[in-house]
């Protein structure tokens, strides 16, 4: 959104009459380019978790001050899901994991229901994929998610995080965002599920 909606922090408002320019990427190329151009950089940790720290290091090493920024400013996109307990959080993130398997095997579609994901019989290769994918998702109780996100921020040095919740159903995703906001004592908007 253009203008003051974005705030006044580094990487925020660059011009009052147009949206701020960020470079979003999931590789070293985009990290280096953002640094060379002196732009804020947002790394897709949720797509390429193993490359997050190397890409952010490369961004910072390549950074040249510009009219936009005088020092590097980085965010990371993180897959995170909070529920009242760890079991329910796992049940919900399994839906996103199954959706990813389907996408990667050429069968894209809607995110399956928790019941569909629980009933799906994963083969060995799919189970390995799920385990690797879930290792890069911060999920569990609100306190567990906060602990995981805090650790990720510490490891990466990210200035901010952007959370995505790949799970079935709007109500479950909204509740997850509310629980995470509550864990950080952030205000939440009253929304209808």
N, C-alpha and C. Protein backbone atom coordinates (compact mmCIF):
# COMPACT_ATOMS: atom_id res chain seq x y z
N UNK A 1 0.84 -1.17 0.00
CA UNK A 1 0.00 0.00 0.00
C UNK A 1 0.89 1.24 0.00
N UNK A 2 0.56 2.18 -0.81
CA UNK A 2 1.40 3.38 -0.86
C UNK A 2 1.22 4.26 0.38
N UNK A 3 2.23 5.06 0.61
CA UNK A 3 2.12 6.10 1.61
C UNK A 3 2.29 5.67 3.04
N UNK A 4 1.71 6.44 3.94
CA UNK A 4 1.99 6.29 5.36
C UNK A 4 1.51 4.97 5.97
N UNK A 5 0.72 4.21 5.25
CA UNK A 5 0.28 2.92 5.77
C UNK A 5 1.48 2.04 6.09
N UNK A 6 2.55 2.17 5.34
CA UNK A 6 3.72 1.34 5.52
C UNK A 6 4.61 1.77 6.67
N UNK A 7 4.35 2.88 7.28
CA UNK A 7 5.16 3.30 8.41
C UNK A 7 6.39 4.07 8.00
N UNK A 8 7.23 4.33 8.96
CA UNK A 8 8.41 5.14 8.70
C UNK A 8 9.70 4.42 9.03
N UNK A 9 9.64 3.10 9.25
CA UNK A 9 10.85 2.34 9.55
C UNK A 9 11.66 2.13 8.27
N UNK A 10 12.96 1.82 8.40
CA UNK A 10 13.74 1.51 7.19
C UNK A 10 13.02 0.44 6.37
N UNK A 11 12.99 0.65 5.08
CA UNK A 11 12.28 -0.28 4.22
C UNK A 11 10.82 0.07 4.10
N UNK A 12 10.35 1.07 4.84
CA UNK A 12 8.95 1.48 4.82
C UNK A 12 8.70 2.48 3.72
N UNK A 13 8.22 3.66 4.07
CA UNK A 13 7.85 4.66 3.09
C UNK A 13 9.09 5.20 2.40
N UNK A 14 9.13 5.07 1.08
CA UNK A 14 10.22 5.64 0.30
C UNK A 14 9.74 6.89 -0.42
N UNK A 15 8.46 6.94 -0.73
CA UNK A 15 7.85 8.09 -1.39
C UNK A 15 6.39 8.12 -0.99
N UNK A 16 5.89 9.30 -0.72
CA UNK A 16 4.49 9.42 -0.27
C UNK A 16 3.50 9.08 -1.36
N UNK A 17 3.91 9.08 -2.63
CA UNK A 17 2.95 8.88 -3.70
C UNK A 17 3.07 7.54 -4.44
N UNK A 18 3.89 6.64 -3.92
CA UNK A 18 3.97 5.32 -4.56
C UNK A 18 4.45 4.27 -3.54
N UNK A 19 4.16 3.01 -3.82
CA UNK A 19 4.57 1.95 -2.88
C UNK A 19 6.09 1.85 -2.78
N UNK A 20 6.55 1.40 -1.64
CA UNK A 20 7.97 1.16 -1.46
C UNK A 20 8.43 0.01 -2.34
N UNK A 21 9.65 0.09 -2.80
CA UNK A 21 10.23 -0.97 -3.62
C UNK A 21 11.10 -1.84 -2.74
N UNK A 22 10.81 -3.12 -2.74
CA UNK A 22 11.60 -4.14 -2.06
C UNK A 22 12.01 -5.14 -3.12
N UNK A 23 13.05 -5.87 -2.86
CA UNK A 23 13.38 -6.99 -3.72
C UNK A 23 13.08 -8.26 -2.92
N UNK A 24 12.22 -9.10 -3.48
CA UNK A 24 11.86 -10.37 -2.87
C UNK A 24 12.62 -11.46 -3.61
N UNK A 25 13.19 -12.40 -2.86
CA UNK A 25 13.91 -13.46 -3.54
C UNK A 25 14.08 -14.69 -2.68
N UNK A 26 14.60 -15.73 -3.33
CA UNK A 26 14.89 -16.98 -2.65
C UNK A 26 16.25 -17.53 -3.09
N UNK A 27 17.12 -16.62 -3.52
CA UNK A 27 18.43 -17.07 -4.01
C UNK A 27 19.50 -16.03 -3.70
N UNK A 28 20.72 -16.43 -3.93
CA UNK A 28 21.85 -15.52 -3.77
C UNK A 28 21.83 -14.40 -4.79
N UNK A 29 21.32 -14.68 -5.99
CA UNK A 29 21.27 -13.64 -7.02
C UNK A 29 20.43 -12.46 -6.56
N UNK A 30 19.22 -12.75 -6.06
CA UNK A 30 18.33 -11.67 -5.63
C UNK A 30 18.90 -10.95 -4.40
N UNK A 31 19.56 -11.69 -3.53
CA UNK A 31 20.17 -11.08 -2.34
C UNK A 31 21.26 -10.09 -2.76
N UNK A 32 22.11 -10.53 -3.66
CA UNK A 32 23.21 -9.66 -4.13
C UNK A 32 22.66 -8.43 -4.87
N UNK A 33 21.66 -8.63 -5.70
CA UNK A 33 21.09 -7.52 -6.45
C UNK A 33 20.46 -6.49 -5.50
N UNK A 34 19.71 -6.96 -4.51
CA UNK A 34 19.11 -6.04 -3.53
C UNK A 34 20.19 -5.24 -2.82
N UNK A 35 21.26 -5.91 -2.44
CA UNK A 35 22.36 -5.22 -1.78
C UNK A 35 23.02 -4.19 -2.67
N UNK A 36 23.30 -4.57 -3.91
CA UNK A 36 23.95 -3.65 -4.84
C UNK A 36 23.09 -2.43 -5.14
N UNK A 37 21.76 -2.63 -5.16
CA UNK A 37 20.84 -1.52 -5.43
C UNK A 37 20.49 -0.72 -4.18
N UNK A 38 20.91 -1.21 -3.01
CA UNK A 38 20.60 -0.51 -1.77
C UNK A 38 19.13 -0.54 -1.42
N UNK A 39 18.48 -1.65 -1.74
CA UNK A 39 17.05 -1.81 -1.46
C UNK A 39 16.82 -2.71 -0.26
N UNK A 40 15.67 -2.59 0.39
CA UNK A 40 15.31 -3.58 1.40
C UNK A 40 15.10 -4.93 0.72
N UNK A 41 15.42 -5.99 1.44
CA UNK A 41 15.37 -7.33 0.86
C UNK A 41 14.49 -8.23 1.71
N UNK A 42 13.61 -8.97 1.06
CA UNK A 42 12.76 -9.93 1.75
C UNK A 42 13.06 -11.31 1.19
N UNK A 43 13.52 -12.19 2.06
CA UNK A 43 13.90 -13.54 1.63
C UNK A 43 12.78 -14.53 1.92
N UNK A 44 12.52 -15.42 0.98
CA UNK A 44 11.47 -16.43 1.08
C UNK A 44 11.96 -17.65 1.86
N UNK A 45 12.12 -17.46 3.17
CA UNK A 45 12.57 -18.55 4.04
C UNK A 45 11.63 -19.75 3.93
N UNK A 46 10.34 -19.50 3.78
CA UNK A 46 9.36 -20.58 3.72
C UNK A 46 9.49 -21.41 2.44
N UNK A 47 10.21 -20.92 1.45
CA UNK A 47 10.48 -21.68 0.23
C UNK A 47 11.87 -22.30 0.25
N UNK A 48 12.80 -21.62 0.87
CA UNK A 48 14.21 -21.98 0.72
C UNK A 48 14.97 -21.79 2.03
N UNK A 49 14.52 -22.47 3.08
CA UNK A 49 15.05 -22.26 4.43
C UNK A 49 16.56 -22.48 4.54
N UNK A 50 17.08 -23.46 3.84
CA UNK A 50 18.52 -23.76 3.93
C UNK A 50 19.37 -22.61 3.40
N UNK A 51 18.79 -21.77 2.56
CA UNK A 51 19.54 -20.67 1.96
C UNK A 51 19.34 -19.34 2.65
N UNK A 52 18.55 -19.30 3.72
CA UNK A 52 18.23 -18.02 4.35
C UNK A 52 19.46 -17.31 4.87
N UNK A 53 20.22 -17.93 5.73
CA UNK A 53 21.38 -17.27 6.33
C UNK A 53 22.42 -16.92 5.26
N UNK A 54 22.79 -17.85 4.35
CA UNK A 54 23.75 -17.45 3.32
C UNK A 54 23.26 -16.28 2.46
N UNK A 55 21.96 -16.27 2.12
CA UNK A 55 21.44 -15.17 1.29
C UNK A 55 21.46 -13.85 2.05
N UNK A 56 21.08 -13.86 3.32
CA UNK A 56 21.10 -12.62 4.09
C UNK A 56 22.53 -12.13 4.31
N UNK A 57 23.46 -13.06 4.50
CA UNK A 57 24.87 -12.67 4.62
C UNK A 57 25.34 -12.02 3.32
N UNK A 58 24.98 -12.62 2.20
CA UNK A 58 25.36 -12.08 0.89
C UNK A 58 24.74 -10.70 0.67
N UNK A 59 23.49 -10.55 1.05
CA UNK A 59 22.82 -9.25 0.95
C UNK A 59 23.59 -8.19 1.74
N UNK A 60 23.91 -8.51 2.97
CA UNK A 60 24.61 -7.55 3.83
C UNK A 60 26.01 -7.23 3.31
N UNK A 61 26.72 -8.26 2.82
CA UNK A 61 28.06 -8.05 2.26
C UNK A 61 28.02 -7.21 0.99
N UNK A 62 26.97 -7.36 0.19
CA UNK A 62 26.84 -6.67 -1.10
C UNK A 62 26.23 -5.29 -0.97
N UNK A 63 25.72 -4.96 0.21
CA UNK A 63 24.95 -3.74 0.37
C UNK A 63 25.75 -2.48 0.09
N UNK A 64 25.15 -1.60 -0.70
CA UNK A 64 25.69 -0.28 -0.99
C UNK A 64 24.63 0.73 -0.59
N UNK A 65 24.94 1.72 0.23
CA UNK A 65 23.95 2.73 0.60
C UNK A 65 23.35 3.38 -0.65
N UNK A 66 22.08 3.75 -0.53
CA UNK A 66 21.37 4.35 -1.66
C UNK A 66 20.47 5.47 -1.13
N UNK A 67 19.74 6.09 -2.03
CA UNK A 67 18.77 7.11 -1.62
C UNK A 67 17.65 6.49 -0.79
N UNK A 68 17.48 5.18 -0.90
CA UNK A 68 16.42 4.47 -0.18
C UNK A 68 16.87 4.08 1.23
N UNK A 69 18.05 3.49 1.34
CA UNK A 69 18.54 2.99 2.62
C UNK A 69 20.01 3.34 2.82
N UNK A 70 20.37 3.61 4.06
CA UNK A 70 21.79 3.85 4.36
C UNK A 70 22.45 2.60 4.93
N UNK A 71 21.63 1.60 5.32
CA UNK A 71 22.18 0.33 5.80
C UNK A 71 21.19 -0.78 5.44
N UNK A 72 21.65 -2.02 5.41
CA UNK A 72 20.77 -3.13 5.00
C UNK A 72 19.54 -3.26 5.91
N UNK A 73 18.44 -3.66 5.29
CA UNK A 73 17.20 -3.92 6.03
C UNK A 73 16.56 -5.15 5.41
N UNK A 74 16.42 -6.21 6.20
CA UNK A 74 15.95 -7.49 5.66
C UNK A 74 14.75 -8.03 6.42
N UNK A 75 13.86 -8.64 5.67
CA UNK A 75 12.75 -9.39 6.27
C UNK A 75 12.82 -10.81 5.73
N UNK A 76 12.14 -11.70 6.42
CA UNK A 76 12.05 -13.08 5.93
C UNK A 76 10.59 -13.52 5.99
N UNK A 77 10.18 -14.24 4.97
CA UNK A 77 8.86 -14.85 4.95
C UNK A 77 8.94 -16.19 5.65
N UNK A 78 8.10 -16.39 6.66
CA UNK A 78 8.17 -17.58 7.50
C UNK A 78 6.80 -18.27 7.53
N UNK A 79 6.82 -19.57 7.38
CA UNK A 79 5.61 -20.35 7.57
C UNK A 79 5.47 -20.65 9.06
N UNK A 80 4.37 -20.20 9.64
CA UNK A 80 4.15 -20.39 11.08
C UNK A 80 2.67 -20.64 11.34
N UNK A 81 2.41 -21.49 12.31
CA UNK A 81 1.01 -21.79 12.66
C UNK A 81 0.92 -22.09 14.14
N UNK A 82 0.03 -21.36 14.82
CA UNK A 82 -0.20 -21.59 16.25
C UNK A 82 -1.63 -22.07 16.47
N UNK A 83 -1.77 -22.98 17.39
CA UNK A 83 -3.09 -23.45 17.84
C UNK A 83 -3.02 -23.55 19.36
N UNK A 84 -4.14 -23.85 19.96
CA UNK A 84 -4.17 -23.93 21.43
C UNK A 84 -3.21 -24.99 21.96
N UNK A 85 -2.94 -26.03 21.17
CA UNK A 85 -1.98 -27.04 21.60
C UNK A 85 -1.20 -27.57 20.39
N UNK A 86 -0.09 -28.21 20.69
CA UNK A 86 0.82 -28.68 19.64
C UNK A 86 0.17 -29.71 18.71
N UNK A 87 -0.66 -30.58 19.27
CA UNK A 87 -1.31 -31.62 18.45
C UNK A 87 -2.21 -31.00 17.38
N UNK A 88 -3.01 -30.00 17.78
CA UNK A 88 -3.89 -29.35 16.80
C UNK A 88 -3.09 -28.57 15.77
N UNK A 89 -2.01 -27.94 16.20
CA UNK A 89 -1.16 -27.20 15.25
C UNK A 89 -0.57 -28.17 14.22
N UNK A 90 -0.10 -29.34 14.67
CA UNK A 90 0.45 -30.33 13.74
C UNK A 90 -0.64 -30.80 12.78
N UNK A 91 -1.81 -31.04 13.29
CA UNK A 91 -2.94 -31.47 12.46
C UNK A 91 -3.21 -30.45 11.36
N UNK A 92 -3.13 -29.17 11.70
CA UNK A 92 -3.41 -28.12 10.71
C UNK A 92 -2.26 -27.95 9.71
N UNK A 93 -1.01 -27.98 10.16
CA UNK A 93 0.09 -27.78 9.21
C UNK A 93 0.27 -28.97 8.28
N UNK A 94 -0.22 -30.13 8.69
CA UNK A 94 -0.17 -31.29 7.81
C UNK A 94 -0.97 -31.05 6.54
N UNK A 95 -2.01 -30.22 6.63
CA UNK A 95 -2.81 -29.91 5.43
C UNK A 95 -1.97 -29.14 4.42
N UNK A 96 -1.17 -28.19 4.90
CA UNK A 96 -0.29 -27.44 4.01
C UNK A 96 0.80 -28.31 3.43
N UNK A 97 1.29 -29.24 4.23
CA UNK A 97 2.33 -30.16 3.75
C UNK A 97 1.80 -31.05 2.62
N UNK A 98 0.58 -31.56 2.79
CA UNK A 98 -0.01 -32.38 1.74
C UNK A 98 -0.26 -31.55 0.48
N UNK A 99 -0.68 -30.31 0.66
CA UNK A 99 -0.87 -29.42 -0.50
C UNK A 99 0.44 -29.22 -1.24
N UNK A 100 1.55 -29.09 -0.49
CA UNK A 100 2.86 -28.92 -1.13
C UNK A 100 3.28 -30.18 -1.89
N UNK A 101 3.02 -31.34 -1.31
CA UNK A 101 3.33 -32.59 -2.02
C UNK A 101 2.58 -32.64 -3.33
N UNK A 102 1.30 -32.32 -3.28
CA UNK A 102 0.49 -32.35 -4.50
C UNK A 102 0.99 -31.34 -5.52
N UNK A 103 1.36 -30.16 -5.06
CA UNK A 103 1.88 -29.15 -5.97
C UNK A 103 3.17 -29.62 -6.63
N UNK A 104 4.08 -30.16 -5.83
CA UNK A 104 5.39 -30.60 -6.34
C UNK A 104 5.29 -31.83 -7.24
N UNK A 105 4.19 -32.55 -7.15
CA UNK A 105 4.03 -33.74 -8.00
C UNK A 105 3.04 -33.49 -9.14
N UNK A 106 2.78 -32.21 -9.42
CA UNK A 106 1.95 -31.86 -10.57
C UNK A 106 0.46 -32.03 -10.34
N UNK A 107 0.03 -32.05 -9.09
CA UNK A 107 -1.40 -32.20 -8.78
C UNK A 107 -1.87 -31.05 -7.89
N UNK A 108 -1.69 -29.80 -8.35
CA UNK A 108 -2.07 -28.68 -7.50
C UNK A 108 -3.58 -28.65 -7.26
N UNK A 109 -3.95 -28.00 -6.21
CA UNK A 109 -5.37 -27.86 -5.89
C UNK A 109 -5.55 -27.14 -4.58
N UNK A 110 -6.75 -27.20 -4.07
CA UNK A 110 -7.06 -26.56 -2.80
C UNK A 110 -6.32 -27.25 -1.66
N UNK A 111 -6.09 -26.51 -0.58
CA UNK A 111 -5.49 -27.10 0.61
C UNK A 111 -6.49 -28.10 1.18
N UNK A 112 -6.08 -29.34 1.40
CA UNK A 112 -7.01 -30.36 1.90
C UNK A 112 -7.46 -30.07 3.33
N UNK A 113 -8.53 -30.72 3.72
CA UNK A 113 -9.02 -30.58 5.09
C UNK A 113 -8.09 -31.34 6.04
N UNK A 114 -8.14 -31.03 7.33
CA UNK A 114 -7.34 -31.79 8.29
C UNK A 114 -7.69 -33.28 8.27
N UNK A 115 -8.96 -33.59 8.09
CA UNK A 115 -9.38 -34.99 8.05
C UNK A 115 -8.79 -35.70 6.83
N UNK A 116 -8.78 -35.02 5.70
CA UNK A 116 -8.20 -35.60 4.49
C UNK A 116 -6.70 -35.83 4.66
N UNK A 117 -6.00 -34.86 5.24
CA UNK A 117 -4.56 -35.00 5.46
C UNK A 117 -4.26 -36.12 6.45
N UNK A 118 -5.06 -36.23 7.51
CA UNK A 118 -4.85 -37.30 8.49
C UNK A 118 -5.09 -38.68 7.89
N UNK A 119 -6.03 -38.77 6.97
CA UNK A 119 -6.35 -40.05 6.36
C UNK A 119 -5.48 -40.43 5.18
N UNK A 120 -4.66 -39.50 4.71
CA UNK A 120 -3.82 -39.76 3.55
C UNK A 120 -2.68 -40.71 3.93
N UNK A 121 -2.43 -41.69 3.10
CA UNK A 121 -1.34 -42.64 3.36
C UNK A 121 -0.10 -42.18 2.59
N UNK A 122 0.82 -41.54 3.33
CA UNK A 122 2.05 -41.03 2.74
C UNK A 122 3.01 -42.17 2.48
N UNK A 123 3.60 -42.18 1.28
CA UNK A 123 4.65 -43.18 1.03
C UNK A 123 5.96 -42.69 1.67
N UNK A 124 6.99 -43.49 1.58
CA UNK A 124 8.25 -43.17 2.26
C UNK A 124 8.86 -41.86 1.75
N UNK A 125 8.86 -41.66 0.46
CA UNK A 125 9.41 -40.43 -0.11
C UNK A 125 8.60 -39.22 0.35
N UNK A 126 7.29 -39.36 0.37
CA UNK A 126 6.43 -38.27 0.83
C UNK A 126 6.65 -37.97 2.32
N UNK A 127 6.82 -39.02 3.12
CA UNK A 127 7.08 -38.81 4.55
C UNK A 127 8.40 -38.06 4.76
N UNK A 128 9.42 -38.40 3.98
CA UNK A 128 10.70 -37.69 4.07
C UNK A 128 10.51 -36.22 3.69
N UNK A 129 9.75 -35.98 2.63
CA UNK A 129 9.48 -34.61 2.21
C UNK A 129 8.75 -33.85 3.32
N UNK A 130 7.72 -34.48 3.88
CA UNK A 130 6.93 -33.85 4.95
C UNK A 130 7.82 -33.50 6.14
N UNK A 131 8.65 -34.42 6.56
CA UNK A 131 9.53 -34.17 7.70
C UNK A 131 10.47 -33.00 7.43
N UNK A 132 11.02 -32.94 6.22
CA UNK A 132 11.89 -31.83 5.87
C UNK A 132 11.13 -30.51 5.79
N UNK A 133 9.94 -30.56 5.22
CA UNK A 133 9.14 -29.36 5.09
C UNK A 133 8.72 -28.84 6.46
N UNK A 134 8.24 -29.73 7.32
CA UNK A 134 7.78 -29.32 8.65
C UNK A 134 8.93 -28.82 9.54
N UNK A 135 10.15 -29.26 9.26
CA UNK A 135 11.30 -28.79 10.04
C UNK A 135 11.52 -27.29 9.86
N UNK A 136 10.97 -26.73 8.78
CA UNK A 136 11.13 -25.30 8.50
C UNK A 136 9.86 -24.50 8.76
N UNK A 137 8.88 -25.12 9.41
CA UNK A 137 7.65 -24.44 9.79
C UNK A 137 7.68 -24.28 11.31
N UNK A 138 7.40 -23.08 11.76
CA UNK A 138 7.30 -22.85 13.20
C UNK A 138 5.84 -23.11 13.58
N UNK A 139 5.60 -24.19 14.31
CA UNK A 139 4.22 -24.50 14.67
C UNK A 139 4.16 -25.09 16.07
N UNK A 140 2.99 -25.00 16.66
CA UNK A 140 2.77 -25.52 18.00
C UNK A 140 1.87 -24.57 18.78
N UNK A 141 2.03 -24.58 20.09
CA UNK A 141 1.30 -23.65 20.94
C UNK A 141 1.82 -22.24 20.67
N UNK A 142 1.09 -21.22 21.07
CA UNK A 142 1.60 -19.86 20.85
C UNK A 142 3.00 -19.63 21.44
N UNK A 143 3.26 -20.17 22.63
CA UNK A 143 4.59 -20.00 23.22
C UNK A 143 5.66 -20.72 22.42
N UNK A 144 5.33 -21.92 21.90
CA UNK A 144 6.30 -22.66 21.07
C UNK A 144 6.60 -21.90 19.79
N UNK A 145 5.57 -21.33 19.18
CA UNK A 145 5.77 -20.58 17.94
C UNK A 145 6.61 -19.33 18.22
N UNK A 146 6.30 -18.63 19.29
CA UNK A 146 7.09 -17.44 19.62
C UNK A 146 8.55 -17.81 19.85
N UNK A 147 8.79 -18.87 20.58
CA UNK A 147 10.16 -19.32 20.82
C UNK A 147 10.87 -19.64 19.51
N UNK A 148 10.18 -20.34 18.61
CA UNK A 148 10.76 -20.67 17.32
C UNK A 148 11.04 -19.45 16.47
N UNK A 149 10.10 -18.50 16.45
CA UNK A 149 10.30 -17.28 15.67
C UNK A 149 11.43 -16.43 16.25
N UNK A 150 11.47 -16.33 17.57
CA UNK A 150 12.56 -15.57 18.21
C UNK A 150 13.92 -16.18 17.88
N UNK A 151 13.99 -17.51 17.89
CA UNK A 151 15.24 -18.18 17.54
C UNK A 151 15.62 -17.94 16.10
N UNK A 152 14.64 -17.95 15.22
CA UNK A 152 14.89 -17.70 13.79
C UNK A 152 15.39 -16.28 13.57
N UNK A 153 14.79 -15.33 14.25
CA UNK A 153 15.24 -13.94 14.13
C UNK A 153 16.68 -13.82 14.63
N UNK A 154 16.97 -14.47 15.72
CA UNK A 154 18.33 -14.42 16.28
C UNK A 154 19.34 -15.04 15.31
N UNK A 155 18.98 -16.20 14.72
CA UNK A 155 19.91 -16.89 13.80
C UNK A 155 20.13 -16.10 12.52
N UNK A 156 19.09 -15.44 12.02
CA UNK A 156 19.18 -14.78 10.72
C UNK A 156 19.53 -13.30 10.81
N UNK A 157 19.26 -12.68 11.97
CA UNK A 157 19.44 -11.24 12.08
C UNK A 157 18.42 -10.45 11.30
N UNK A 158 17.30 -11.07 10.95
CA UNK A 158 16.26 -10.37 10.19
C UNK A 158 15.70 -9.20 10.99
N UNK A 159 15.42 -8.12 10.28
CA UNK A 159 14.84 -6.94 10.92
C UNK A 159 13.34 -7.12 11.17
N UNK A 160 12.70 -7.93 10.37
CA UNK A 160 11.29 -8.21 10.55
C UNK A 160 10.95 -9.55 9.90
N UNK A 161 9.81 -10.09 10.28
CA UNK A 161 9.34 -11.33 9.67
C UNK A 161 7.95 -11.09 9.11
N UNK A 162 7.64 -11.85 8.08
CA UNK A 162 6.31 -11.85 7.48
C UNK A 162 5.83 -13.29 7.57
N UNK A 163 4.68 -13.47 8.20
CA UNK A 163 4.20 -14.82 8.48
C UNK A 163 3.13 -15.23 7.48
N UNK A 164 3.25 -16.48 7.04
CA UNK A 164 2.20 -17.09 6.24
C UNK A 164 1.79 -18.37 6.95
N UNK A 165 0.51 -18.66 6.89
CA UNK A 165 -0.02 -19.87 7.52
C UNK A 165 -0.69 -20.70 6.43
N UNK A 166 -0.01 -21.72 5.96
CA UNK A 166 -0.54 -22.57 4.90
C UNK A 166 -1.32 -23.71 5.55
N UNK A 167 -2.60 -23.46 5.79
CA UNK A 167 -3.46 -24.45 6.43
C UNK A 167 -4.86 -24.32 5.84
N UNK A 168 -5.68 -25.32 6.08
CA UNK A 168 -7.04 -25.34 5.54
C UNK A 168 -7.96 -24.41 6.34
N UNK A 169 -8.65 -23.57 5.64
CA UNK A 169 -9.71 -22.78 6.26
C UNK A 169 -9.28 -21.44 6.80
N UNK A 170 -10.06 -20.46 6.44
CA UNK A 170 -9.80 -19.07 6.86
C UNK A 170 -9.83 -18.94 8.38
N UNK A 171 -10.79 -19.55 9.03
CA UNK A 171 -10.93 -19.42 10.48
C UNK A 171 -9.69 -19.93 11.21
N UNK A 172 -9.16 -21.06 10.77
CA UNK A 172 -7.96 -21.62 11.41
C UNK A 172 -6.76 -20.70 11.22
N UNK A 173 -6.62 -20.16 10.02
CA UNK A 173 -5.50 -19.25 9.76
C UNK A 173 -5.62 -17.97 10.58
N UNK A 174 -6.82 -17.38 10.61
CA UNK A 174 -7.02 -16.16 11.39
C UNK A 174 -6.75 -16.40 12.87
N UNK A 175 -7.23 -17.54 13.39
CA UNK A 175 -6.99 -17.84 14.80
C UNK A 175 -5.51 -17.99 15.07
N UNK A 176 -4.78 -18.60 14.16
CA UNK A 176 -3.34 -18.74 14.31
C UNK A 176 -2.67 -17.37 14.39
N UNK A 177 -3.04 -16.47 13.49
CA UNK A 177 -2.46 -15.13 13.51
C UNK A 177 -2.78 -14.42 14.83
N UNK A 178 -4.00 -14.59 15.31
CA UNK A 178 -4.39 -13.97 16.59
C UNK A 178 -3.55 -14.52 17.74
N UNK A 179 -3.37 -15.84 17.76
CA UNK A 179 -2.58 -16.45 18.84
C UNK A 179 -1.13 -15.99 18.81
N UNK A 180 -0.57 -15.87 17.61
CA UNK A 180 0.81 -15.40 17.50
C UNK A 180 0.90 -13.94 17.93
N UNK A 181 -0.05 -13.12 17.50
CA UNK A 181 -0.06 -11.72 17.93
C UNK A 181 -0.18 -11.62 19.44
N UNK A 182 -1.06 -12.43 20.03
CA UNK A 182 -1.21 -12.43 21.49
C UNK A 182 0.09 -12.84 22.18
N UNK A 183 0.81 -13.80 21.61
CA UNK A 183 2.07 -14.25 22.20
C UNK A 183 3.10 -13.13 22.24
N UNK A 184 2.96 -12.17 21.33
CA UNK A 184 3.86 -11.02 21.28
C UNK A 184 3.22 -9.76 21.87
N UNK A 185 2.05 -9.91 22.48
CA UNK A 185 1.32 -8.77 23.04
C UNK A 185 1.06 -7.68 22.00
N UNK A 186 0.73 -8.11 20.78
CA UNK A 186 0.40 -7.18 19.71
C UNK A 186 -1.12 -7.03 19.63
N UNK A 187 -1.59 -5.87 19.21
CA UNK A 187 -3.04 -5.71 19.06
C UNK A 187 -3.55 -6.55 17.89
N UNK A 188 -4.78 -7.03 18.01
CA UNK A 188 -5.40 -7.78 16.92
C UNK A 188 -6.69 -7.10 16.54
N UNK A 189 -7.03 -7.19 15.27
CA UNK A 189 -8.29 -6.63 14.77
C UNK A 189 -9.41 -7.62 15.04
N UNK A 190 -10.55 -7.14 15.31
CA UNK A 190 -11.72 -8.00 15.45
C UNK A 190 -12.19 -8.38 14.05
N UNK A 191 -12.16 -9.67 13.74
CA UNK A 191 -12.55 -10.13 12.41
C UNK A 191 -13.59 -11.23 12.55
N UNK A 192 -14.37 -11.40 11.50
CA UNK A 192 -15.32 -12.50 11.45
C UNK A 192 -14.63 -13.71 10.83
N UNK A 193 -14.87 -14.88 11.35
CA UNK A 193 -14.25 -16.10 10.83
C UNK A 193 -15.00 -16.62 9.63
